[in-house]
Every structure is written in structure tokens, then in C-alpha cells.
């Protein structure tokens, strides 16, 4: 059953950044639902993947991630 996760993500400055974050999440879970609010530095994800794996994928792209 998919879970809802919300992350505070810093360092997203443009649309390219949003796409990079979304791609990283979808690399972990291709079926993930992703909503990004760059201005609020918020990324919401509905996914079956573990929270830690999603956060690590975002961090691996070079962005700061907090719960």
C-alpha cells in the first residue's frame, strides 16, 4: 500500500532541479506520484518505496533533504 511522504528539499532553484528530483524519485519507484513546490521547498511523494530510499535518491542528486 503506497505511503505519503513529505520532504523539505533545499537547493532546487529551477525547473531543471525539479525534474532532477522527480527523476531520482522515479528511479527508486517508477510508479511514485510526485508533487513539487519549489517555492516552499516541499516535495510530496506517494510511493511504496521506503522513505529512506527516497530521501537518499534526492540527496544523491545533490539536494539537501529533511523530513
C-alpha atoms as a PDB file:
ATOM      1  CA  UNK A   1       0.000   0.000   0.000  1.00  0.00           C
ATOM      2  CA  UNK A   2       1.545   3.347  -1.015  1.00  0.00           C
ATOM      3  CA  UNK A   3       2.520   5.754   1.736  1.00  0.00           C
ATOM      4  CA  UNK A   4       2.546   9.552   1.646  1.00  0.00           C
ATOM      5  CA  UNK A   5       5.904  11.168   2.378  1.00  0.00           C
ATOM      6  CA  UNK A   6       6.802  14.829   2.607  1.00  0.00           C
ATOM      7  CA  UNK A   7      10.368  16.100   2.384  1.00  0.00           C
ATOM      8  CA  UNK A   8      11.874  19.543   2.882  1.00  0.00           C
ATOM      9  CA  UNK A   9      14.307  19.827  -0.047  1.00  0.00           C
ATOM     10  CA  UNK A  10      16.776  22.699  -0.340  1.00  0.00           C
ATOM     11  CA  UNK A  11      18.774  23.717  -3.378  1.00  0.00           C
ATOM     12  CA  UNK A  12      16.035  23.493  -6.037  1.00  0.00           C
ATOM     13  CA  UNK A  13      16.375  26.737  -7.975  1.00  0.00           C
ATOM     14  CA  UNK A  14      14.755  25.989 -11.342  1.00  0.00           C
ATOM     15  CA  UNK A  15      12.575  23.661 -13.342  1.00  0.00           C
ATOM     16  CA  UNK A  16      15.601  21.535 -14.195  1.00  0.00           C
ATOM     17  CA  UNK A  17      16.146  20.967 -10.461  1.00  0.00           C
ATOM     18  CA  UNK A  18      12.533  19.850 -10.072  1.00  0.00           C
ATOM     19  CA  UNK A  19      12.929  17.386 -12.957  1.00  0.00           C
ATOM     20  CA  UNK A  20      16.155  16.020 -11.455  1.00  0.00           C
ATOM     21  CA  UNK A  21      14.429  15.411  -8.112  1.00  0.00           C
ATOM     22  CA  UNK A  22      11.440  13.791  -9.803  1.00  0.00           C
ATOM     23  CA  UNK A  23      13.705  11.574 -11.939  1.00  0.00           C
ATOM     24  CA  UNK A  24      15.643  10.480  -8.839  1.00  0.00           C
ATOM     25  CA  UNK A  25      12.424   9.514  -7.051  1.00  0.00           C
ATOM     26  CA  UNK A  26      11.097   7.643 -10.096  1.00  0.00           C
ATOM     27  CA  UNK A  27      14.391   5.742 -10.350  1.00  0.00           C
ATOM     28  CA  UNK A  28      13.532   4.276  -6.933  1.00  0.00           C
ATOM     29  CA  UNK A  29       9.811   3.820  -7.682  1.00  0.00           C
ATOM     30  CA  UNK A  30       8.621   4.288 -11.258  1.00  0.00           C
ATOM     31  CA  UNK A  31       5.003   4.385 -10.055  1.00  0.00           C
ATOM     32  CA  UNK A  32       5.572   7.135  -7.482  1.00  0.00           C
ATOM     33  CA  UNK A  33       3.277  10.155  -7.505  1.00  0.00           C
ATOM     34  CA  UNK A  34       5.421  13.276  -7.091  1.00  0.00           C
ATOM     35  CA  UNK A  35       4.339  16.842  -6.323  1.00  0.00           C
ATOM     36  CA  UNK A  36       6.976  19.551  -6.002  1.00  0.00           C
ATOM     37  CA  UNK A  37       6.511  23.042  -4.584  1.00  0.00           C
ATOM     38  CA  UNK A  38       9.878  24.657  -5.266  1.00  0.00           C
ATOM     39  CA  UNK A  39       8.963  27.962  -3.576  1.00  0.00           C
ATOM     40  CA  UNK A  40       8.049  26.154  -0.352  1.00  0.00           C
ATOM     41  CA  UNK A  41      10.983  23.715  -0.752  1.00  0.00           C
ATOM     42  CA  UNK A  42       8.498  20.861  -0.343  1.00  0.00           C
ATOM     43  CA  UNK A  43       8.380  17.539  -2.158  1.00  0.00           C
ATOM     44  CA  UNK A  44       5.422  15.255  -1.597  1.00  0.00           C
ATOM     45  CA  UNK A  45       5.673  11.638  -2.681  1.00  0.00           C
ATOM     46  CA  UNK A  46       3.149   8.796  -2.664  1.00  0.00           C
ATOM     47  CA  UNK A  47       5.148   5.610  -3.006  1.00  0.00           C
ATOM     48  CA  UNK A  48       5.623   2.012  -1.904  1.00  0.00           C
ATOM     49  CA  UNK A  49       9.373   2.624  -1.584  1.00  0.00           C
ATOM     50  CA  UNK A  50      10.965   3.091   1.855  1.00  0.00           C
ATOM     51  CA  UNK A  51      11.204   6.724   2.964  1.00  0.00           C
ATOM     52  CA  UNK A  52      14.962   6.398   3.478  1.00  0.00           C
ATOM     53  CA  UNK A  53      15.478   5.220  -0.111  1.00  0.00           C
ATOM     54  CA  UNK A  54      13.523   8.176  -1.492  1.00  0.00           C
ATOM     55  CA  UNK A  55      15.440  10.663   0.685  1.00  0.00           C
ATOM     56  CA  UNK A  56      18.768   9.103  -0.326  1.00  0.00           C
ATOM     57  CA  UNK A  57      17.891   9.338  -4.026  1.00  0.00           C
ATOM     58  CA  UNK A  58      17.159  13.066  -3.636  1.00  0.00           C
ATOM     59  CA  UNK A  59      20.364  13.610  -1.639  1.00  0.00           C
ATOM     60  CA  UNK A  60      22.370  11.714  -4.267  1.00  0.00           C
ATOM     61  CA  UNK A  61      21.244  14.332  -6.808  1.00  0.00           C
ATOM     62  CA  UNK A  62      22.950  16.965  -4.632  1.00  0.00           C
ATOM     63  CA  UNK A  63      19.973  18.465  -2.798  1.00  0.00           C
ATOM     64  CA  UNK A  64      19.527  18.931   0.936  1.00  0.00           C
ATOM     65  CA  UNK A  65      16.785  16.722   2.375  1.00  0.00           C
ATOM     66  CA  UNK A  66      14.995  16.858   5.717  1.00  0.00           C
ATOM     67  CA  UNK A  67      11.835  15.200   6.931  1.00  0.00           C
END
